[in-house]
Amino acid sequence: MSLERTDIEKLALLARINISDSESQQVTERIGAVLNLVDQLQAQDTEGVEPMAHPMDATQILRADEVTESNDRENLMSNAPATEEGLFLVPKVIE
């Protein structure tokens, strides 16, 4: 895909960013290189290639879901200044 400096200027205007004349040429080259890479990727034949979720085909190893702490609710609630039916009571802050 051919990209010109005027295209970059239009994009900069639409994106509401300021690109100086000295930066404009450099941005044009960089975006052009990215678009060329996309063209190369699109040109590859992917017929018969199965899609995959991850390029490394890795499996995530998860730890076992085990309870490690006991229920210490009563002890924790005893430290609160105000509780009711197992809930912490806090002052109202919004009218």
PDB file of N, CA and C in Angstrom:
ATOM      1  N   MET A   1       0.846  -1.174   0.000  1.00  0.00           N
ATOM      2  CA  MET A   1       0.000   0.000   0.000  1.00  0.00           C
ATOM      3  C   MET A   1       0.884   1.228   0.000  1.00  0.00           C
ATOM      4  N   SER A   2       0.597   2.122  -0.889  1.00  0.00           N
ATOM      5  CA  SER A   2       1.377   3.347  -1.011  1.00  0.00           C
ATOM      6  C   SER A   2       0.808   4.409  -0.080  1.00  0.00           C
ATOM      7  N   LEU A   3       1.684   4.996   0.701  1.00  0.00           N
ATOM      8  CA  LEU A   3       1.284   6.012   1.657  1.00  0.00           C
ATOM      9  C   LEU A   3       2.066   7.277   1.360  1.00  0.00           C
ATOM     10  N   GLU A   4       1.371   8.372   1.281  1.00  0.00           N
ATOM     11  CA  GLU A   4       2.025   9.638   0.976  1.00  0.00           C
ATOM     12  C   GLU A   4       1.948  10.575   2.171  1.00  0.00           C
ATOM     13  N   ARG A   5       2.743  11.617   2.083  1.00  0.00           N
ATOM     14  CA  ARG A   5       2.811  12.590   3.166  1.00  0.00           C
ATOM     15  C   ARG A   5       1.465  13.273   3.389  1.00  0.00           C
ATOM     16  N   THR A   6       0.725  13.495   2.337  1.00  0.00           N
ATOM     17  CA  THR A   6      -0.590  14.138   2.474  1.00  0.00           C
ATOM     18  C   THR A   6      -1.554  13.242   3.253  1.00  0.00           C
ATOM     19  N   ASP A   7      -1.404  11.915   3.096  1.00  0.00           N
ATOM     20  CA  ASP A   7      -2.241  10.994   3.860  1.00  0.00           C
ATOM     21  C   ASP A   7      -1.968  11.125   5.359  1.00  0.00           C
ATOM     22  N   ILE A   8      -0.705  11.249   5.703  1.00  0.00           N
ATOM     23  CA  ILE A   8      -0.320  11.404   7.109  1.00  0.00           C
ATOM     24  C   ILE A   8      -0.854  12.723   7.653  1.00  0.00           C
ATOM     25  N   GLU A   9      -0.793  13.761   6.850  1.00  0.00           N
ATOM     26  CA  GLU A   9      -1.306  15.063   7.291  1.00  0.00           C
ATOM     27  C   GLU A   9      -2.814  14.995   7.535  1.00  0.00           C
ATOM     28  N   LYS A  10      -3.534  14.286   6.673  1.00  0.00           N
ATOM     29  CA  LYS A  10      -4.982  14.121   6.871  1.00  0.00           C
ATOM     30  C   LYS A  10      -5.268  13.318   8.135  1.00  0.00           C
ATOM     31  N   LEU A  11      -4.500  12.241   8.337  1.00  0.00           N
ATOM     32  CA  LEU A  11      -4.678  11.434   9.541  1.00  0.00           C
ATOM     33  C   LEU A  11      -4.381  12.241  10.809  1.00  0.00           C
ATOM     34  N   ALA A  12      -3.340  13.051  10.765  1.00  0.00           N
ATOM     35  CA  ALA A  12      -2.987  13.878  11.912  1.00  0.00           C
ATOM     36  C   ALA A  12      -4.105  14.880  12.203  1.00  0.00           C
ATOM     37  N   LEU A  13      -4.705  15.424  11.163  1.00  0.00           N
ATOM     38  CA  LEU A  13      -5.807  16.358  11.340  1.00  0.00           C
ATOM     39  C   LEU A  13      -7.006  15.649  11.971  1.00  0.00           C
ATOM     40  N   LEU A  14      -7.346  14.466  11.471  1.00  0.00           N
ATOM     41  CA  LEU A  14      -8.473  13.712  12.012  1.00  0.00           C
ATOM     42  C   LEU A  14      -8.230  13.277  13.459  1.00  0.00           C
ATOM     43  N   ALA A  15      -6.985  12.915  13.771  1.00  0.00           N
ATOM     44  CA  ALA A  15      -6.632  12.477  15.118  1.00  0.00           C
ATOM     45  C   ALA A  15      -6.377  13.659  16.050  1.00  0.00           C
ATOM     46  N   ARG A  16      -6.395  14.836  15.494  1.00  0.00           N
ATOM     47  CA  ARG A  16      -6.155  16.065  16.248  1.00  0.00           C
ATOM     48  C   ARG A  16      -4.789  16.037  16.960  1.00  0.00           C
ATOM     49  N   ILE A  17      -3.768  15.606  16.198  1.00  0.00           N
ATOM     50  CA  ILE A  17      -2.406  15.638  16.707  1.00  0.00           C
ATOM     51  C   ILE A  17      -1.577  16.516  15.784  1.00  0.00           C
ATOM     52  N   ASN A  18      -0.575  17.119  16.354  1.00  0.00           N
ATOM     53  CA  ASN A  18       0.277  18.021  15.593  1.00  0.00           C
ATOM     54  C   ASN A  18       1.556  17.290  15.196  1.00  0.00           C
ATOM     55  N   ILE A  19       1.778  17.153  13.909  1.00  0.00           N
ATOM     56  CA  ILE A  19       2.997  16.541  13.398  1.00  0.00           C
ATOM     57  C   ILE A  19       3.722  17.599  12.576  1.00  0.00           C
ATOM     58  N   SER A  20       4.941  17.903  12.986  1.00  0.00           N
ATOM     59  CA  SER A  20       5.709  18.919  12.271  1.00  0.00           C
ATOM     60  C   SER A  20       6.144  18.383  10.913  1.00  0.00           C
ATOM     61  N   ASP A  21       6.604  19.280  10.051  1.00  0.00           N
ATOM     62  CA  ASP A  21       7.061  18.875   8.720  1.00  0.00           C
ATOM     63  C   ASP A  21       8.235  17.913   8.800  1.00  0.00           C
ATOM     64  N   SER A  22       9.122  18.122   9.776  1.00  0.00           N
ATOM     65  CA  SER A  22      10.274  17.234   9.906  1.00  0.00           C
ATOM     66  C   SER A  22       9.846  15.836  10.386  1.00  0.00           C
ATOM     67  N   GLU A  23       8.822  15.771  11.223  1.00  0.00           N
ATOM     68  CA  GLU A  23       8.324  14.479  11.699  1.00  0.00           C
ATOM     69  C   GLU A  23       7.454  13.786  10.657  1.00  0.00           C
ATOM     70  N   SER A  24       6.836  14.544   9.793  1.00  0.00           N
ATOM     71  CA  SER A  24       5.885  14.002   8.829  1.00  0.00           C
ATOM     72  C   SER A  24       6.525  12.941   7.932  1.00  0.00           C
ATOM     73  N   GLN A  25       7.714  13.205   7.436  1.00  0.00           N
ATOM     74  CA  GLN A  25       8.396  12.246   6.564  1.00  0.00           C
ATOM     75  C   GLN A  25       8.739  10.966   7.326  1.00  0.00           C
ATOM     76  N   GLN A  26       9.209  11.134   8.547  1.00  0.00           N
ATOM     77  CA  GLN A  26       9.580   9.973   9.365  1.00  0.00           C
ATOM     78  C   GLN A  26       8.347   9.131   9.702  1.00  0.00           C
ATOM     79  N   VAL A  27       7.244   9.779  10.044  1.00  0.00           N
ATOM     80  CA  VAL A  27       6.003   9.064  10.359  1.00  0.00           C
ATOM     81  C   VAL A  27       5.487   8.346   9.114  1.00  0.00           C
ATOM     82  N   THR A  28       5.582   8.997   7.977  1.00  0.00           N
ATOM     83  CA  THR A  28       5.146   8.378   6.723  1.00  0.00           C
ATOM     84  C   THR A  28       5.920   7.098   6.453  1.00  0.00           C
ATOM     85  N   GLU A  29       7.235   7.130   6.657  1.00  0.00           N
ATOM     86  CA  GLU A  29       8.067   5.950   6.428  1.00  0.00           C
ATOM     87  C   GLU A  29       7.727   4.826   7.410  1.00  0.00           C
ATOM     88  N   ARG A  30       7.544   5.183   8.671  1.00  0.00           N
ATOM     89  CA  ARG A  30       7.266   4.165   9.687  1.00  0.00           C
ATOM     90  C   ARG A  30       5.907   3.504   9.469  1.00  0.00           C
ATOM     91  N   ILE A  31       4.881   4.294   9.211  1.00  0.00           N
ATOM     92  CA  ILE A  31       3.556   3.724   8.980  1.00  0.00           C
ATOM     93  C   ILE A  31       3.558   2.929   7.683  1.00  0.00           C
ATOM     94  N   GLY A  32       4.285   3.407   6.682  1.00  0.00           N
ATOM     95  CA  GLY A  32       4.410   2.674   5.428  1.00  0.00           C
ATOM     96  C   GLY A  32       5.050   1.313   5.641  1.00  0.00           C
ATOM     97  N   ALA A  33       6.058   1.253   6.520  1.00  0.00           N
ATOM     98  CA  ALA A  33       6.720  -0.020   6.816  1.00  0.00           C
ATOM     99  C   ALA A  33       5.756  -0.989   7.500  1.00  0.00           C
ATOM    100  N   VAL A  34       4.938  -0.481   8.398  1.00  0.00           N
ATOM    101  CA  VAL A  34       3.954  -1.327   9.071  1.00  0.00           C
ATOM    102  C   VAL A  34       2.936  -1.851   8.063  1.00  0.00           C
ATOM    103  N   LEU A  35       2.464  -0.984   7.183  1.00  0.00           N
ATOM    104  CA  LEU A  35       1.491  -1.409   6.175  1.00  0.00           C
ATOM    105  C   LEU A  35       2.099  -2.423   5.207  1.00  0.00           C
ATOM    106  N   ASN A  36       3.372  -2.282   4.884  1.00  0.00           N
ATOM    107  CA  ASN A  36       4.047  -3.271   4.033  1.00  0.00           C
ATOM    108  C   ASN A  36       4.126  -4.624   4.728  1.00  0.00           C
ATOM    109  N   LEU A  37       4.378  -4.617   6.037  1.00  0.00           N
ATOM    110  CA  LEU A  37       4.407  -5.864   6.796  1.00  0.00           C
ATOM    111  C   LEU A  37       3.026  -6.531   6.786  1.00  0.00           C
ATOM    112  N   VAL A  38       1.982  -5.729   6.931  1.00  0.00           N
ATOM    113  CA  VAL A  38       0.626  -6.273   6.884  1.00  0.00           C
ATOM    114  C   VAL A  38       0.356  -6.870   5.508  1.00  0.00           C
ATOM    115  N   ASP A  39       0.796  -6.208   4.453  1.00  0.00           N
ATOM    116  CA  ASP A  39       0.624  -6.744   3.102  1.00  0.00           C
ATOM    117  C   ASP A  39       1.338  -8.093   2.953  1.00  0.00           C
ATOM    118  N   GLN A  40       2.546  -8.213   3.514  1.00  0.00           N
ATOM    119  CA  GLN A  40       3.286  -9.474   3.445  1.00  0.00           C
ATOM    120  C   GLN A  40       2.544 -10.584   4.183  1.00  0.00           C
ATOM    121  N   LEU A  41       1.992 -10.255   5.343  1.00  0.00           N
ATOM    122  CA  LEU A  41       1.245 -11.249   6.105  1.00  0.00           C
ATOM    123  C   LEU A  41      -0.012 -11.696   5.363  1.00  0.00           C
ATOM    124  N   GLN A  42      -0.694 -10.750   4.727  1.00  0.00           N
ATOM    125  CA  GLN A  42      -1.907 -11.078   3.990  1.00  0.00           C
ATOM    126  C   GLN A  42      -1.607 -11.898   2.746  1.00  0.00           C
ATOM    127  N   ALA A  43      -0.413 -11.797   2.217  1.00  0.00           N
ATOM    128  CA  ALA A  43      -0.055 -12.522   1.002  1.00  0.00           C
ATOM    129  C   ALA A  43       0.261 -13.995   1.275  1.00  0.00           C
ATOM    130  N   GLN A  44       0.471 -14.356   2.531  1.00  0.00           N
ATOM    131  CA  GLN A  44       0.822 -15.735   2.867  1.00  0.00           C
ATOM    132  C   GLN A  44      -0.379 -16.656   2.719  1.00  0.00           C
ATOM    133  N   ASP A  45      -0.099 -17.864   2.243  1.00  0.00           N
ATOM    134  CA  ASP A  45      -1.146 -18.864   2.083  1.00  0.00           C
ATOM    135  C   ASP A  45      -1.362 -19.567   3.421  1.00  0.00           C
ATOM    136  N   THR A  46      -2.552 -19.415   3.980  1.00  0.00           N
ATOM    137  CA  THR A  46      -2.874 -20.035   5.257  1.00  0.00           C
ATOM    138  C   THR A  46      -3.910 -21.139   5.109  1.00  0.00           C
ATOM    139  N   GLU A  47      -4.105 -21.600   3.893  1.00  0.00           N
ATOM    140  CA  GLU A  47      -5.058 -22.677   3.643  1.00  0.00           C
ATOM    141  C   GLU A  47      -4.600 -23.940   4.378  1.00  0.00           C
ATOM    142  N   GLY A  48      -5.491 -24.524   5.141  1.00  0.00           N
ATOM    143  CA  GLY A  48      -5.174 -25.750   5.857  1.00  0.00           C
ATOM    144  C   GLY A  48      -4.463 -25.535   7.181  1.00  0.00           C
ATOM    145  N   VAL A  49      -4.187 -24.292   7.549  1.00  0.00           N
ATOM    146  CA  VAL A  49      -3.541 -24.013   8.826  1.00  0.00           C
ATOM    147  C   VAL A  49      -4.634 -23.836   9.873  1.00  0.00           C
ATOM    148  N   GLU A  50      -4.569 -24.654  10.903  1.00  0.00           N
ATOM    149  CA  GLU A  50      -5.584 -24.597  11.955  1.00  0.00           C
ATOM    150  C   GLU A  50      -5.343 -23.388  12.857  1.00  0.00           C
ATOM    151  N   PRO A  51      -6.382 -22.597  13.129  1.00  0.00           N
ATOM    152  CA  PRO A  51      -6.215 -21.449  14.033  1.00  0.00           C
ATOM    153  C   PRO A  51      -5.859 -21.930  15.435  1.00  0.00           C
ATOM    154  N   MET A  52      -5.059 -21.127  16.124  1.00  0.00           N
ATOM    155  CA  MET A  52      -4.707 -21.487  17.482  1.00  0.00           C
ATOM    156  C   MET A  52      -4.866 -20.280  18.402  1.00  0.00           C
ATOM    157  N   ALA A  53      -5.103 -20.557  19.658  1.00  0.00           N
ATOM    158  CA  ALA A  53      -5.340 -19.494  20.623  1.00  0.00           C
ATOM    159  C   ALA A  53      -4.052 -18.808  21.044  1.00  0.00           C
ATOM    160  N   HIS A  54      -2.932 -19.518  20.964  1.00  0.00           N
ATOM    161  CA  HIS A  54      -1.659 -18.972  21.413  1.00  0.00           C
ATOM    162  C   HIS A  54      -0.557 -19.531  20.521  1.00  0.00           C
ATOM    163  N   PRO A  55       0.385 -18.692  20.083  1.00  0.00           N
ATOM    164  CA  PRO A  55       1.408 -19.181  19.160  1.00  0.00           C
ATOM    165  C   PRO A  55       2.359 -20.214  19.764  1.00  0.00           C
ATOM    166  N   MET A  56       2.465 -20.268  21.072  1.00  0.00           N
ATOM    167  CA  MET A  56       3.375 -21.215  21.705  1.00  0.00           C
ATOM    168  C   MET A  56       2.687 -22.523  22.053  1.00  0.00           C
ATOM    169  N   ASP A  57       1.386 -22.594  21.858  1.00  0.00           N
ATOM    170  CA  ASP A  57       0.610 -23.786  22.170  1.00  0.00           C
ATOM    171  C   ASP A  57       0.897 -24.255  23.595  1.00  0.00           C
ATOM    172  N   ALA A  58       0.955 -23.274  24.506  1.00  0.00           N
ATOM    173  CA  ALA A  58       1.278 -23.566  25.898  1.00  0.00           C
ATOM    174  C   ALA A  58       0.017 -23.884  26.685  1.00  0.00           C
ATOM    175  N   THR A  59       0.207 -24.645  27.741  1.00  0.00           N
ATOM    176  CA  THR A  59      -0.875 -24.960  28.655  1.00  0.00           C
ATOM    177  C   THR A  59      -0.549 -24.317  29.989  1.00  0.00           C
ATOM    178  N   GLN A  60      -1.514 -23.593  30.521  1.00  0.00           N
ATOM    179  CA  GLN A  60      -1.291 -22.935  31.798  1.00  0.00           C
ATOM    180  C   GLN A  60      -1.509 -23.932  32.926  1.00  0.00           C
ATOM    181  N   ILE A  61      -0.518 -24.041  33.786  1.00  0.00           N
ATOM    182  CA  ILE A  61      -0.611 -24.960  34.915  1.00  0.00           C
ATOM    183  C   ILE A  61      -1.177 -24.185  36.096  1.00  0.00           C
ATOM    184  N   LEU A  62      -2.293 -24.646  36.594  1.00  0.00           N
ATOM    185  CA  LEU A  62      -2.944 -23.976  37.707  1.00  0.00           C
ATOM    186  C   LEU A  62      -2.759 -24.786  38.976  1.00  0.00           C
ATOM    187  N   ARG A  63      -2.676 -24.090  40.076  1.00  0.00           N
ATOM    188  CA  ARG A  63      -2.567 -24.784  41.353  1.00  0.00           C
ATOM    189  C   ARG A  63      -3.943 -25.300  41.756  1.00  0.00           C
ATOM    190  N   ALA A  64      -3.963 -26.242  42.651  1.00  0.00           N
ATOM    191  CA  ALA A  64      -5.231 -26.780  43.144  1.00  0.00           C
ATOM    192  C   ALA A  64      -5.940 -25.727  43.975  1.00  0.00           C
ATOM    193  N   ASP A  65      -7.239 -25.663  43.854  1.00  0.00           N
ATOM    194  CA  ASP A  65      -8.041 -24.705  44.604  1.00  0.00           C
ATOM    195  C   ASP A  65      -8.365 -25.308  45.963  1.00  0.00           C
ATOM    196  N   GLU A  66      -7.538 -24.971  46.946  1.00  0.00           N
ATOM    197  CA  GLU A  66      -7.688 -25.526  48.272  1.00  0.00           C
ATOM    198  C   GLU A  66      -7.859 -24.412  49.294  1.00  0.00           C
ATOM    199  N   VAL A  67      -8.664 -24.649  50.311  1.00  0.00           N
ATOM    200  CA  VAL A  67      -8.839 -23.695  51.400  1.00  0.00           C
ATOM    201  C   VAL A  67      -7.581 -23.725  52.253  1.00  0.00           C
ATOM    202  N   THR A  68      -6.975 -22.547  52.464  1.00  0.00           N
ATOM    203  CA  THR A  68      -5.730 -22.495  53.234  1.00  0.00           C
ATOM    204  C   THR A  68      -5.913 -21.822  54.589  1.00  0.00           C
ATOM    205  N   GLU A  69      -7.011 -21.086  54.772  1.00  0.00           N
ATOM    206  CA  GLU A  69      -7.252 -20.412  56.042  1.00  0.00           C
ATOM    207  C   GLU A  69      -8.640 -20.778  56.541  1.00  0.00           C
ATOM    208  N   SER A  70      -8.756 -20.849  57.845  1.00  0.00           N
ATOM    209  CA  SER A  70     -10.061 -21.182  58.419  1.00  0.00           C
ATOM    210  C   SER A  70     -10.916 -19.921  58.526  1.00  0.00           C
ATOM    211  N   ASN A  71     -12.195 -20.110  58.752  1.00  0.00           N
ATOM    212  CA  ASN A  71     -13.119 -18.995  58.909  1.00  0.00           C
ATOM    213  C   ASN A  71     -12.921 -18.394  60.295  1.00  0.00           C
ATOM    214  N   ASP A  72     -12.367 -17.186  60.339  1.00  0.00           N
ATOM    215  CA  ASP A  72     -12.066 -16.508  61.594  1.00  0.00           C
ATOM    216  C   ASP A  72     -12.937 -15.253  61.725  1.00  0.00           C
ATOM    217  N   ARG A  73     -14.159 -15.363  61.264  1.00  0.00           N
ATOM    218  CA  ARG A  73     -15.055 -14.205  61.191  1.00  0.00           C
ATOM    219  C   ARG A  73     -15.324 -13.595  62.568  1.00  0.00           C
ATOM    220  N   GLU A  74     -15.628 -14.410  63.542  1.00  0.00           N
ATOM    221  CA  GLU A  74     -15.962 -13.893  64.871  1.00  0.00           C
ATOM    222  C   GLU A  74     -14.806 -13.099  65.469  1.00  0.00           C
ATOM    223  N   ASN A  75     -13.602 -13.607  65.328  1.00  0.00           N
ATOM    224  CA  ASN A  75     -12.438 -12.902  65.856  1.00  0.00           C
ATOM    225  C   ASN A  75     -12.233 -11.568  65.140  1.00  0.00           C
ATOM    226  N   LEU A  76     -12.392 -11.563  63.812  1.00  0.00           N
ATOM    227  CA  LEU A  76     -12.228 -10.323  63.045  1.00  0.00           C
ATOM    228  C   LEU A  76     -13.327  -9.321  63.372  1.00  0.00           C
ATOM    229  N   MET A  77     -14.552  -9.802  63.533  1.00  0.00           N
ATOM    230  CA  MET A  77     -15.662  -8.902  63.833  1.00  0.00           C
ATOM    231  C   MET A  77     -15.523  -8.290  65.230  1.00  0.00           C
ATOM    232  N   SER A  78     -14.842  -8.980  66.136  1.00  0.00           N
ATOM    233  CA  SER A  78     -14.680  -8.460  67.497  1.00  0.00           C
ATOM    234  C   SER A  78     -13.821  -7.196  67.513  1.00  0.00           C
ATOM    235  N   ASN A  79     -13.015  -6.969  66.478  1.00  0.00           N
ATOM    236  CA  ASN A  79     -12.174  -5.773  66.404  1.00  0.00           C
ATOM    237  C   ASN A  79     -12.910  -4.560  65.835  1.00  0.00           C
ATOM    238  N   ALA A  80     -14.078  -4.762  65.258  1.00  0.00           N
ATOM    239  CA  ALA A  80     -14.813  -3.665  64.624  1.00  0.00           C
ATOM    240  C   ALA A  80     -15.547  -2.845  65.676  1.00  0.00           C
ATOM    241  N   PRO A  81     -15.620  -1.520  65.481  1.00  0.00           N
ATOM    242  CA  PRO A  81     -16.335  -0.685  66.450  1.00  0.00           C
ATOM    243  C   PRO A  81     -17.846  -0.941  66.450  1.00  0.00           C
ATOM    244  N   ALA A  82     -18.419  -1.301  65.283  1.00  0.00           N
ATOM    245  CA  ALA A  82     -19.868  -1.541  65.221  1.00  0.00           C
ATOM    246  C   ALA A  82     -20.160  -2.639  64.207  1.00  0.00           C
ATOM    247  N   THR A  83     -20.964  -3.616  64.618  1.00  0.00           N
ATOM    248  CA  THR A  83     -21.367  -4.707  63.729  1.00  0.00           C
ATOM    249  C   THR A  83     -22.832  -5.029  63.965  1.00  0.00           C
ATOM    250  N   GLU A  84     -23.410  -5.652  62.963  1.00  0.00           N
ATOM    251  CA  GLU A  84     -24.789  -6.120  63.099  1.00  0.00           C
ATOM    252  C   GLU A  84     -24.996  -7.303  62.169  1.00  0.00           C
ATOM    253  N   GLU A  85     -25.414  -8.412  62.694  1.00  0.00           N
ATOM    254  CA  GLU A  85     -25.692  -9.632  61.940  1.00  0.00           C
ATOM    255  C   GLU A  85     -24.518 -10.051  61.047  1.00  0.00           C
ATOM    256  N   GLY A  86     -23.323  -9.929  61.589  1.00  0.00           N
ATOM    257  CA  GLY A  86     -22.142 -10.359  60.855  1.00  0.00           C
ATOM    258  C   GLY A  86     -21.635  -9.363  59.826  1.00  0.00           C
ATOM    259  N   LEU A  87     -22.129  -8.130  59.841  1.00  0.00           N
ATOM    260  CA  LEU A  87     -21.701  -7.098  58.891  1.00  0.00           C
ATOM    261  C   LEU A  87     -21.067  -5.936  59.641  1.00  0.00           C
ATOM    262  N   PHE A  88     -20.115  -5.273  59.013  1.00  0.00           N
ATOM    263  CA  PHE A  88     -19.519  -4.078  59.570  1.00  0.00           C
ATOM    264  C   PHE A  88     -20.478  -2.911  59.367  1.00  0.00           C
ATOM    265  N   LEU A  89     -20.697  -2.117  60.393  1.00  0.00           N
ATOM    266  CA  LEU A  89     -21.513  -0.913  60.283  1.00  0.00           C
ATOM    267  C   LEU A  89     -20.577   0.283  60.142  1.00  0.00           C
ATOM    268  N   VAL A  90     -20.871   1.132  59.168  1.00  0.00           N
ATOM    269  CA  VAL A  90     -20.055   2.327  58.938  1.00  0.00           C
ATOM    270  C   VAL A  90     -20.964   3.546  58.905  1.00  0.00           C
ATOM    271  N   PRO A  91     -20.416   4.722  59.196  1.00  0.00           N
ATOM    272  CA  PRO A  91     -21.245   5.911  59.161  1.00  0.00           C
ATOM    273  C   PRO A  91     -21.702   6.244  57.727  1.00  0.00           C
ATOM    274  N   LYS A  92     -22.873   6.814  57.621  1.00  0.00           N
ATOM    275  CA  LYS A  92     -23.415   7.219  56.323  1.00  0.00           C
ATOM    276  C   LYS A  92     -22.622   8.414  55.821  1.00  0.00           C
ATOM    277  N   VAL A  93     -22.137   8.355  54.592  1.00  0.00           N
ATOM    278  CA  VAL A  93     -21.321   9.444  54.042  1.00  0.00           C
ATOM    279  C   VAL A  93     -21.994  10.144  52.875  1.00  0.00           C
ATOM    280  N   ILE A  94     -23.052   9.562  52.326  1.00  0.00           N
ATOM    281  CA  ILE A  94     -23.762  10.170  51.201  1.00  0.00           C
ATOM    282  C   ILE A  94     -25.197  10.409  51.611  1.00  0.00           C
ATOM    283  N   GLU A  95     -25.660  11.610  51.394  1.00  0.00           N
ATOM    284  CA  GLU A  95     -27.054  11.949  51.737  1.00  0.00           C
ATOM    285  C   GLU A  95     -27.974  11.527  50.635  1.00  0.00           C
TER     286      GLU A  95
END
